[in-house]
Structure formats: structure tokens, C-alpha cells
Amino acid sequence: MNVHDRKHRFGLKSICICVGLAIATAVMFTPQTARAQAADPCAQELCLAGNLWGEDGGLDCAGPKQTYSAIRSFDAFGAYDPISTAYERDDNLHGCGDFANELVKGQITAELGTLFSVP
């Protein structure tokens, strides 16, 4: 049986299904990056709240802090705008639906929201 006969026997649909399954399997077993996990606003809130109390959160908090610090606003001249940055970061933290911690979110924004990079 040559290649041409196999194409007709299996059909294009079978090949597409096999390729789709191979891609799905590769995606499932590809390690997730810390950046994908760090985007969660609730994780950011938890780690940054620890910063307020003098804790660094260890390696688990490196990603959430980096994601929070990456939210930056600049003015029309390219200068860092701390006030707009604080508003954007506060909006981001409110992506976490835990309304019981509104005070903590306010403290995080007040103390860390205007910094260029969170320690």
C-alpha cells in the first residue's frame, strides 16, 4: 500500500483528528510558566498583603509581585505616572472578587500602588 492509498483509506478527517490530539496532548503536558499563574489578582492581593506586614512570601510570591509591578502607566512624554499606575493597579486588585478584603486592597494601593517596582 503506497502513501496515496493510505490517504484515501484514512481520509483527511482522520489526519486532522490525529494532529489535533497530538497538539492537545502537547499543551496538556507542557509545564505552565509562573507568569500564567501569577496573573491571578487574588494571589497578588495575598502576597502584597504579606508585604504590608513585613513578609516577602518566598518564591511563591515572586510571580504575583512581578505581575503587579508590571502594571505601569506613563504620561504623554514617556515619564512614569505614579498616580495613574496606582489607579490601574487598584482596578487590577479588584479583579479578585473577595469583597471582605476591601480595606486590605486599599492599604496595598496606598502603600505600594505608586511604586515603580514592588520590593
N, C-alpha and C. Protein backbone atom coordinates (compact mmCIF):
# COMPACT_ATOMS: atom_id res chain seq x y z
N MET A 1 0.86 -1.17 0.00
CA MET A 1 0.00 0.00 0.00
C MET A 1 0.90 1.23 0.00
N ASN A 2 0.72 2.09 -0.99
CA ASN A 2 1.55 3.29 -1.05
C ASN A 2 0.89 4.43 -0.28
N VAL A 3 1.58 5.54 -0.21
CA VAL A 3 1.12 6.69 0.57
C VAL A 3 -0.21 7.19 0.03
N HIS A 4 -0.37 7.21 -1.28
CA HIS A 4 -1.61 7.70 -1.88
C HIS A 4 -2.80 6.86 -1.45
N ASP A 5 -2.62 5.53 -1.40
CA ASP A 5 -3.71 4.65 -0.97
C ASP A 5 -4.05 4.87 0.50
N ARG A 6 -3.04 5.11 1.35
CA ARG A 6 -3.28 5.34 2.77
C ARG A 6 -4.08 6.62 3.00
N LYS A 7 -3.80 7.66 2.23
CA LYS A 7 -4.54 8.91 2.37
C LYS A 7 -6.02 8.69 2.14
N HIS A 8 -6.33 7.90 1.13
CA HIS A 8 -7.73 7.66 0.84
C HIS A 8 -8.36 6.74 1.89
N ARG A 9 -7.58 5.81 2.39
CA ARG A 9 -8.11 4.86 3.37
C ARG A 9 -8.42 5.56 4.70
N PHE A 10 -7.48 6.37 5.17
CA PHE A 10 -7.67 7.04 6.45
C PHE A 10 -8.49 8.33 6.29
N GLY A 11 -8.30 9.00 5.23
CA GLY A 11 -9.04 10.23 4.98
C GLY A 11 -8.40 11.42 5.68
N LEU A 12 -8.72 12.57 5.17
CA LEU A 12 -8.19 13.81 5.72
C LEU A 12 -8.71 14.07 7.12
N LYS A 13 -9.95 13.66 7.38
CA LYS A 13 -10.55 13.89 8.69
C LYS A 13 -9.78 13.15 9.78
N SER A 14 -9.35 11.93 9.50
CA SER A 14 -8.57 11.16 10.48
C SER A 14 -7.24 11.83 10.77
N ILE A 15 -6.62 12.37 9.75
CA ILE A 15 -5.32 13.04 9.93
C ILE A 15 -5.51 14.28 10.79
N CYS A 16 -6.56 15.04 10.53
CA CYS A 16 -6.83 16.24 11.32
C CYS A 16 -7.09 15.90 12.78
N ILE A 17 -7.82 14.83 13.01
CA ILE A 17 -8.10 14.41 14.39
C ILE A 17 -6.81 14.02 15.09
N CYS A 18 -5.95 13.28 14.39
CA CYS A 18 -4.68 12.87 14.99
C CYS A 18 -3.80 14.07 15.32
N VAL A 19 -3.73 15.02 14.41
CA VAL A 19 -2.93 16.21 14.64
C VAL A 19 -3.51 17.01 15.81
N GLY A 20 -4.82 17.12 15.86
CA GLY A 20 -5.47 17.82 16.97
C GLY A 20 -5.20 17.17 18.30
N LEU A 21 -5.27 15.86 18.34
CA LEU A 21 -4.98 15.14 19.59
C LEU A 21 -3.52 15.31 19.99
N ALA A 22 -2.62 15.31 19.03
CA ALA A 22 -1.20 15.49 19.34
C ALA A 22 -0.95 16.87 19.92
N ILE A 23 -1.58 17.89 19.35
CA ILE A 23 -1.41 19.25 19.87
C ILE A 23 -2.01 19.37 21.26
N ALA A 24 -3.20 18.80 21.47
CA ALA A 24 -3.84 18.86 22.78
C ALA A 24 -2.99 18.16 23.84
N THR A 25 -2.41 17.04 23.49
CA THR A 25 -1.56 16.32 24.42
C THR A 25 -0.31 17.14 24.75
N ALA A 26 0.28 17.75 23.75
CA ALA A 26 1.47 18.56 23.98
C ALA A 26 1.16 19.74 24.89
N VAL A 27 0.02 20.36 24.70
CA VAL A 27 -0.36 21.50 25.54
C VAL A 27 -0.61 21.05 26.97
N MET A 28 -1.25 19.90 27.14
CA MET A 28 -1.54 19.40 28.48
C MET A 28 -0.28 19.10 29.28
N PHE A 29 0.74 18.59 28.60
CA PHE A 29 1.94 18.18 29.31
C PHE A 29 3.06 19.22 29.27
N THR A 30 2.78 20.39 28.74
CA THR A 30 3.76 21.47 28.75
C THR A 30 3.68 22.15 30.11
N PRO A 31 4.81 22.32 30.79
CA PRO A 31 4.77 22.98 32.10
C PRO A 31 4.27 24.41 31.97
N GLN A 32 3.43 24.81 32.90
CA GLN A 32 2.90 26.17 32.90
C GLN A 32 3.97 27.11 33.45
N THR A 33 4.05 28.29 32.88
CA THR A 33 5.03 29.25 33.35
C THR A 33 4.49 29.95 34.59
N ALA A 34 5.38 30.53 35.36
CA ALA A 34 4.97 31.26 36.55
C ALA A 34 4.14 32.48 36.17
N ARG A 35 4.39 33.04 35.01
CA ARG A 35 3.66 34.23 34.58
C ARG A 35 2.17 33.93 34.40
N ALA A 36 1.85 32.76 33.86
CA ALA A 36 0.45 32.42 33.66
C ALA A 36 -0.25 32.25 35.00
N GLN A 37 0.45 31.71 35.97
CA GLN A 37 -0.15 31.50 37.28
C GLN A 37 -0.18 32.81 38.07
N ALA A 38 0.72 33.73 37.77
CA ALA A 38 0.85 34.95 38.56
C ALA A 38 -0.21 36.00 38.23
N ALA A 39 -0.93 35.82 37.16
CA ALA A 39 -1.89 36.83 36.75
C ALA A 39 -3.10 36.91 37.68
N ASP A 40 -3.30 35.95 38.55
CA ASP A 40 -4.45 35.92 39.43
C ASP A 40 -4.40 37.09 40.42
N PRO A 41 -5.39 37.99 40.37
CA PRO A 41 -5.41 39.14 41.29
C PRO A 41 -5.51 38.72 42.76
N CYS A 42 -6.14 37.59 43.04
CA CYS A 42 -6.24 37.13 44.43
C CYS A 42 -4.88 36.73 44.98
N ALA A 43 -4.05 36.10 44.15
CA ALA A 43 -2.69 35.75 44.57
C ALA A 43 -1.87 37.01 44.78
N GLN A 44 -2.07 38.00 43.93
CA GLN A 44 -1.36 39.27 44.09
C GLN A 44 -1.76 39.92 45.41
N GLU A 45 -3.05 39.93 45.69
CA GLU A 45 -3.53 40.54 46.93
C GLU A 45 -2.93 39.85 48.15
N LEU A 46 -2.92 38.53 48.13
CA LEU A 46 -2.39 37.77 49.26
C LEU A 46 -0.91 38.05 49.48
N CYS A 47 -0.14 38.03 48.40
CA CYS A 47 1.30 38.26 48.52
C CYS A 47 1.63 39.70 48.91
N LEU A 48 0.90 40.65 48.34
CA LEU A 48 1.17 42.05 48.65
C LEU A 48 0.72 42.41 50.06
N ALA A 49 -0.31 41.75 50.56
CA ALA A 49 -0.73 41.96 51.95
C ALA A 49 0.39 41.50 52.88
N GLY A 50 1.06 40.42 52.52
CA GLY A 50 2.21 39.98 53.29
C GLY A 50 3.30 41.02 53.31
N ASN A 51 3.50 41.72 52.19
CA ASN A 51 4.48 42.80 52.14
C ASN A 51 4.17 43.88 53.16
N LEU A 52 2.89 44.18 53.35
CA LEU A 52 2.49 45.22 54.30
C LEU A 52 2.89 44.85 55.73
N TRP A 53 2.94 43.55 56.01
CA TRP A 53 3.26 43.08 57.36
C TRP A 53 4.71 42.61 57.48
N GLY A 54 5.53 42.95 56.50
CA GLY A 54 6.96 42.65 56.59
C GLY A 54 7.36 41.27 56.11
N GLU A 55 6.48 40.55 55.47
CA GLU A 55 6.80 39.22 54.93
C GLU A 55 7.01 39.33 53.43
N ASP A 56 7.90 38.49 52.89
CA ASP A 56 8.13 38.56 51.44
C ASP A 56 7.36 37.48 50.68
N GLY A 57 6.87 36.47 51.35
CA GLY A 57 6.08 35.43 50.70
C GLY A 57 6.89 34.35 50.02
N GLY A 58 8.18 34.51 49.95
CA GLY A 58 9.03 33.49 49.34
C GLY A 58 8.89 33.41 47.83
N LEU A 59 9.30 32.29 47.29
CA LEU A 59 9.30 32.09 45.84
C LEU A 59 7.90 32.08 45.25
N ASP A 60 6.92 31.64 46.03
CA ASP A 60 5.55 31.58 45.53
C ASP A 60 4.99 32.97 45.22
N CYS A 61 5.53 33.99 45.85
CA CYS A 61 5.02 35.35 45.64
C CYS A 61 5.83 36.14 44.61
N ALA A 62 6.89 35.59 44.10
CA ALA A 62 7.71 36.32 43.13
C ALA A 62 6.90 36.65 41.87
N GLY A 63 6.16 35.69 41.36
CA GLY A 63 5.36 35.90 40.15
C GLY A 63 4.25 36.92 40.35
N PRO A 64 3.40 36.76 41.39
CA PRO A 64 2.35 37.75 41.60
C PRO A 64 2.88 39.16 41.81
N LYS A 65 3.99 39.31 42.52
CA LYS A 65 4.57 40.65 42.73
C LYS A 65 5.09 41.22 41.42
N GLN A 66 5.69 40.37 40.61
CA GLN A 66 6.21 40.82 39.32
C GLN A 66 5.07 41.26 38.40
N THR A 67 3.98 40.51 38.41
CA THR A 67 2.83 40.87 37.59
C THR A 67 2.23 42.19 38.04
N TYR A 68 2.12 42.39 39.36
CA TYR A 68 1.60 43.64 39.91
C TYR A 68 2.53 44.80 39.54
N SER A 69 3.83 44.59 39.68
CA SER A 69 4.80 45.64 39.37
C SER A 69 4.83 45.99 37.88
N ALA A 70 4.46 45.04 37.04
CA ALA A 70 4.49 45.26 35.59
C ALA A 70 3.37 46.19 35.13
N ILE A 71 2.38 46.42 35.98
CA ILE A 71 1.31 47.35 35.64
C ILE A 71 1.86 48.76 35.90
N ARG A 72 2.12 49.47 34.82
CA ARG A 72 2.70 50.81 34.93
C ARG A 72 2.05 51.73 33.92
N SER A 73 1.90 52.97 34.31
CA SER A 73 1.32 53.97 33.43
C SER A 73 2.34 55.09 33.20
N PHE A 74 2.34 55.61 31.99
CA PHE A 74 3.27 56.68 31.63
C PHE A 74 2.49 57.85 31.02
N ASP A 75 3.01 59.06 31.20
CA ASP A 75 2.32 60.22 30.64
C ASP A 75 2.68 60.38 29.16
N ALA A 76 2.18 61.43 28.55
CA ALA A 76 2.38 61.66 27.11
C ALA A 76 3.85 61.87 26.75
N PHE A 77 4.67 62.25 27.72
CA PHE A 77 6.08 62.49 27.46
C PHE A 77 6.95 61.27 27.77
N GLY A 78 6.32 60.18 28.20
CA GLY A 78 7.05 58.95 28.48
C GLY A 78 7.55 58.84 29.91
N ALA A 79 7.15 59.78 30.78
CA ALA A 79 7.57 59.74 32.18
C ALA A 79 6.60 58.87 32.98
N TYR A 80 7.14 58.17 33.95
CA TYR A 80 6.34 57.30 34.81
C TYR A 80 5.30 58.13 35.56
N ASP A 81 4.05 57.68 35.54
CA ASP A 81 2.95 58.37 36.20
C ASP A 81 2.46 57.54 37.38
N PRO A 82 2.92 57.85 38.60
CA PRO A 82 2.58 57.02 39.77
C PRO A 82 1.09 57.04 40.12
N ILE A 83 0.42 58.16 39.92
CA ILE A 83 -1.00 58.25 40.27
C ILE A 83 -1.84 57.35 39.36
N SER A 84 -1.64 57.45 38.06
CA SER A 84 -2.37 56.59 37.12
C SER A 84 -2.03 55.13 37.33
N THR A 85 -0.77 54.86 37.66
CA THR A 85 -0.34 53.49 37.94
C THR A 85 -1.11 52.94 39.13
N ALA A 86 -1.23 53.75 40.18
CA ALA A 86 -1.96 53.30 41.38
C ALA A 86 -3.42 52.97 41.05
N TYR A 87 -4.05 53.80 40.21
CA TYR A 87 -5.44 53.53 39.81
C TYR A 87 -5.55 52.24 39.02
N GLU A 88 -4.62 52.02 38.09
CA GLU A 88 -4.65 50.80 37.28
C GLU A 88 -4.40 49.56 38.14
N ARG A 89 -3.45 49.66 39.07
CA ARG A 89 -3.17 48.52 39.94
C ARG A 89 -4.34 48.23 40.88
N ASP A 90 -5.01 49.30 41.34
CA ASP A 90 -6.18 49.11 42.20
C ASP A 90 -7.30 48.41 41.43
N ASP A 91 -7.51 48.81 40.19
CA ASP A 91 -8.51 48.14 39.35
C ASP A 91 -8.17 46.67 39.18
N ASN A 92 -6.89 46.39 38.99
CA ASN A 92 -6.44 45.01 38.85
C ASN A 92 -6.75 44.20 40.11
N LEU A 93 -6.45 44.75 41.28
CA LEU A 93 -6.72 44.04 42.54
C LEU A 93 -8.21 43.78 42.74
N HIS A 94 -9.03 44.67 42.24
CA HIS A 94 -10.47 44.48 42.37
C HIS A 94 -10.99 43.40 41.43
N GLY A 95 -10.11 42.83 40.63
CA GLY A 95 -10.46 41.66 39.83
C GLY A 95 -10.65 40.43 40.70
N CYS A 96 -10.14 40.49 41.93
CA CYS A 96 -10.37 39.43 42.90
C CYS A 96 -11.70 39.73 43.58
N GLY A 97 -12.63 38.83 43.46
CA GLY A 97 -13.99 39.07 43.92
C GLY A 97 -14.20 39.02 45.42
N ASP A 98 -13.15 38.96 46.22
CA ASP A 98 -13.29 38.88 47.67
C ASP A 98 -13.54 40.28 48.23
N PHE A 99 -14.80 40.61 48.46
CA PHE A 99 -15.14 41.95 48.91
C PHE A 99 -14.89 42.15 50.40
N ALA A 100 -14.58 41.09 51.12
CA ALA A 100 -14.30 41.21 52.55
C ALA A 100 -12.96 41.90 52.80
N ASN A 101 -12.09 41.91 51.81
CA ASN A 101 -10.75 42.47 51.98
C ASN A 101 -10.59 43.83 51.31
N GLU A 102 -11.64 44.60 51.22
CA GLU A 102 -11.56 45.92 50.59
C GLU A 102 -10.56 46.82 51.31
N LEU A 103 -10.50 46.73 52.63
CA LEU A 103 -9.55 47.53 53.39
C LEU A 103 -8.12 47.17 53.05
N VAL A 104 -7.86 45.87 52.91
CA VAL A 104 -6.50 45.41 52.58
C VAL A 104 -6.12 45.90 51.19
N LYS A 105 -7.07 45.83 50.26
CA LYS A 105 -6.79 46.31 48.90
C LYS A 105 -6.47 47.80 48.92
N GLY A 106 -7.19 48.55 49.73
CA GLY A 106 -6.93 49.98 49.86
C GLY A 106 -5.56 50.26 50.45
N GLN A 107 -5.16 49.47 51.45
CA GLN A 107 -3.83 49.64 52.05
C GLN A 107 -2.73 49.30 51.05
N ILE A 108 -2.94 48.23 50.29
CA ILE A 108 -1.95 47.84 49.27
C ILE A 108 -1.77 48.97 48.27
N THR A 109 -2.89 49.52 47.80
CA THR A 109 -2.82 50.60 46.81
C THR A 109 -2.16 51.85 47.41
N ALA A 110 -2.50 52.16 48.66
CA ALA A 110 -1.94 53.36 49.29
C ALA A 110 -0.43 53.24 49.51
N GLU A 111 0.03 52.07 49.90
CA GLU A 111 1.46 51.92 50.23
C GLU A 111 2.33 51.46 49.07
N LEU A 112 1.77 50.65 48.18
CA LEU A 112 2.59 50.06 47.12
C LEU A 112 2.17 50.47 45.72
N GLY A 113 0.98 51.05 45.57
CA GLY A 113 0.43 51.33 44.25
C GLY A 113 1.21 52.32 43.42
N THR A 114 1.88 53.27 44.06
CA THR A 114 2.60 54.28 43.29
C THR A 114 4.07 53.93 43.04
N LEU A 115 4.56 52.88 43.67
CA LEU A 115 5.96 52.49 43.49
C LEU A 115 6.19 51.96 42.08
N PHE A 116 7.35 52.24 41.52
CA PHE A 116 7.68 51.74 40.20
C PHE A 116 7.77 50.22 40.21
N SER A 117 8.38 49.69 41.27
CA SER A 117 8.53 48.24 41.39
C SER A 117 8.34 47.86 42.86
N VAL A 118 7.52 46.84 43.09
CA VAL A 118 7.25 46.38 44.46
C VAL A 118 8.43 45.55 44.94
N PRO A 119 8.91 45.83 46.16
CA PRO A 119 10.07 45.07 46.68
C PRO A 119 9.72 43.62 46.98
